[in-house]
Amino acid sequence: MLQAVHSDDLKLTRNQSLVLSVLQSSGQPLSAYSILDRLRDAGLRAPPQVYRALEKLMEAGRIHRLESMNAFVICCHSKHGQIHPRTTTFAICEACGKVNEFHDAKIEDALGRRAKGSGFKMRSTTIEVHGLCAECH
């Protein structure tokens, strides 16, 4: 049975803790339905339970949604209590599915300047780069 993750910086509900635990132990992006399948024995039976937990975890900056995969991953910053930058980049391996989250101040600054120059107020940016990781190429 899965153990609920306890966080000092964020009060998690039981369902949020269980969803976070599944994502932490997975090491791979998971869809909401994959998460639900892994949590049926823990009492989660309906998709809305998982979707509500995922939404709150994203709002809290604990996880990210990978749009191109319709899947969720742990935020690398949530592991270390770091402040999350506005621009997040994901390198996604098309062979093994490994996802590497990274941040680059130059990319963030360039995007910010471009947005500001066109009068756009940028809230956040997610970039997904697909290819092959070092182990797979």
Protein backbone atom coordinates (compact mmCIF):
# COMPACT_ATOMS: atom_id res chain seq x y z
CA MET A 1 0.00 0.00 0.00
CA LEU A 2 1.20 3.52 -0.79
CA GLN A 3 2.32 5.84 1.96
CA ALA A 4 1.00 9.38 1.88
CA VAL A 5 3.70 12.02 1.40
CA HIS A 6 3.87 14.60 4.17
CA SER A 7 4.97 18.13 3.35
CA ASP A 8 5.92 20.83 5.82
CA ASP A 9 5.41 23.69 3.35
CA LEU A 10 1.99 22.67 2.03
CA LYS A 11 -0.92 21.01 3.77
CA LEU A 12 -1.92 18.17 1.48
CA THR A 13 -5.19 16.31 1.54
CA ARG A 14 -5.04 12.52 1.65
CA ASN A 15 -5.78 12.29 -2.10
CA GLN A 16 -3.15 14.93 -2.95
CA SER A 17 -0.59 13.06 -0.84
CA LEU A 18 -1.39 9.77 -2.56
CA VAL A 19 -1.20 11.28 -6.05
CA LEU A 20 2.08 13.00 -5.22
CA SER A 21 3.47 9.75 -3.83
CA VAL A 22 2.59 7.87 -7.03
CA LEU A 23 4.30 10.51 -9.17
CA GLN A 24 7.39 10.56 -6.94
CA SER A 25 7.78 6.80 -7.02
CA SER A 26 7.13 6.51 -10.75
CA GLY A 27 10.12 8.39 -12.13
CA GLN A 28 8.14 8.68 -15.38
CA PRO A 29 5.31 10.93 -16.54
CA LEU A 30 1.91 9.43 -15.75
CA SER A 31 -1.55 10.14 -17.12
CA ALA A 32 -4.40 10.79 -14.72
CA TYR A 33 -5.85 7.37 -15.54
CA SER A 34 -2.52 5.64 -14.86
CA ILE A 35 -2.44 7.38 -11.49
CA LEU A 36 -6.03 6.31 -10.81
CA ASP A 37 -5.19 2.69 -11.68
CA ARG A 38 -2.31 2.73 -9.18
CA LEU A 39 -4.51 4.20 -6.44
CA ARG A 40 -7.62 2.03 -6.69
CA ASP A 41 -6.47 -0.13 -3.77
CA ALA A 42 -5.99 3.05 -1.72
CA GLY A 43 -9.66 3.95 -2.19
CA LEU A 44 -9.55 6.34 -5.14
CA ARG A 45 -12.18 5.14 -7.56
CA ALA A 46 -13.29 8.10 -9.68
CA PRO A 47 -11.35 10.27 -12.13
CA PRO A 48 -12.57 13.55 -10.53
CA GLN A 49 -10.76 12.58 -7.30
CA VAL A 50 -7.46 12.37 -9.18
CA TYR A 51 -8.10 15.43 -11.35
CA ARG A 52 -8.90 17.60 -8.31
CA ALA A 53 -5.70 16.46 -6.58
CA LEU A 54 -3.64 17.07 -9.74
CA GLU A 55 -5.11 20.56 -10.15
CA LYS A 56 -4.24 21.55 -6.58
CA LEU A 57 -0.73 20.08 -6.85
CA MET A 58 -0.15 22.07 -10.07
CA GLU A 59 -1.44 25.27 -8.44
CA ALA A 60 0.98 24.67 -5.55
CA GLY A 61 3.90 24.19 -7.97
CA ARG A 62 4.52 20.60 -6.88
CA ILE A 63 3.90 19.00 -10.28
CA HIS A 64 3.78 19.91 -13.97
CA ARG A 65 1.52 18.84 -16.80
CA LEU A 66 3.26 17.81 -19.99
CA GLU A 67 0.81 18.99 -22.62
CA SER A 68 2.21 16.93 -25.49
CA MET A 69 1.94 13.71 -23.47
CA ASN A 70 -1.19 14.56 -21.45
CA ALA A 71 0.78 13.39 -18.42
CA PHE A 72 2.09 14.72 -15.12
CA VAL A 73 5.55 14.82 -13.51
CA ILE A 74 7.02 15.98 -10.22
CA CYS A 75 8.53 19.48 -10.26
CA CYS A 76 12.25 19.18 -9.57
CA HIS A 77 12.05 22.36 -7.48
CA SER A 78 9.48 20.92 -5.11
CA LYS A 79 12.03 18.31 -4.01
CA HIS A 80 14.44 20.97 -2.79
CA GLY A 81 12.09 23.74 -1.62
CA GLN A 82 13.34 26.09 -4.36
CA ILE A 83 11.38 28.96 -5.84
CA HIS A 84 10.01 27.99 -9.21
CA PRO A 85 11.11 30.11 -12.21
CA ARG A 86 8.57 31.44 -14.72
CA THR A 87 9.96 29.40 -17.62
CA THR A 88 10.21 25.64 -17.41
CA THR A 89 11.76 23.50 -20.12
CA PHE A 90 11.36 19.75 -20.41
CA ALA A 91 13.62 17.47 -22.45
CA ILE A 92 11.47 14.41 -23.22
CA CYS A 93 13.11 11.23 -24.52
CA GLU A 94 10.99 9.67 -27.26
CA ALA A 95 12.59 6.24 -26.71
CA CYS A 96 12.51 5.63 -22.96
CA GLY A 97 10.10 8.35 -21.81
CA LYS A 98 12.57 9.94 -19.38
CA VAL A 99 11.85 13.60 -18.68
CA ASN A 100 14.47 16.11 -17.59
CA GLU A 101 13.30 19.47 -16.25
CA PHE A 102 15.69 22.38 -16.61
CA HIS A 103 15.77 26.14 -16.47
CA ASP A 104 17.88 28.66 -18.34
CA ALA A 105 17.88 32.32 -17.31
CA LYS A 106 18.91 33.41 -20.84
CA ILE A 107 15.87 31.69 -22.37
CA GLU A 108 13.59 33.16 -19.71
CA ASP A 109 15.02 36.65 -20.21
CA ALA A 110 14.73 36.44 -24.01
CA LEU A 111 11.11 35.32 -23.81
CA GLY A 112 10.35 38.05 -21.26
CA ARG A 113 11.88 40.74 -23.47
CA ARG A 114 9.98 39.49 -26.53
CA ALA A 115 6.68 39.41 -24.62
CA LYS A 116 7.24 42.84 -23.07
CA GLY A 117 8.17 44.30 -26.48
CA SER A 118 4.80 43.23 -27.86
CA GLY A 119 2.88 44.43 -24.82
CA PHE A 120 2.20 40.93 -23.54
CA LYS A 121 2.41 40.27 -19.80
CA MET A 122 3.88 36.80 -19.44
CA ARG A 123 2.73 34.71 -16.47
CA SER A 124 4.52 31.45 -17.18
CA THR A 125 6.02 29.46 -20.04
CA THR A 126 6.46 25.75 -20.59
CA ILE A 127 8.70 24.47 -23.35
CA GLU A 128 8.72 20.78 -24.33
CA VAL A 129 11.68 19.52 -26.35
CA HIS A 130 11.40 16.01 -27.81
CA GLY A 131 14.38 13.88 -28.82
CA LEU A 132 16.65 11.20 -27.41
CA CYS A 133 18.38 11.23 -24.02
CA ALA A 134 22.08 10.45 -23.61
CA GLU A 135 21.38 6.80 -22.82
CA CYS A 136 19.14 6.25 -25.86
CA HIS A 137 21.03 7.98 -28.68
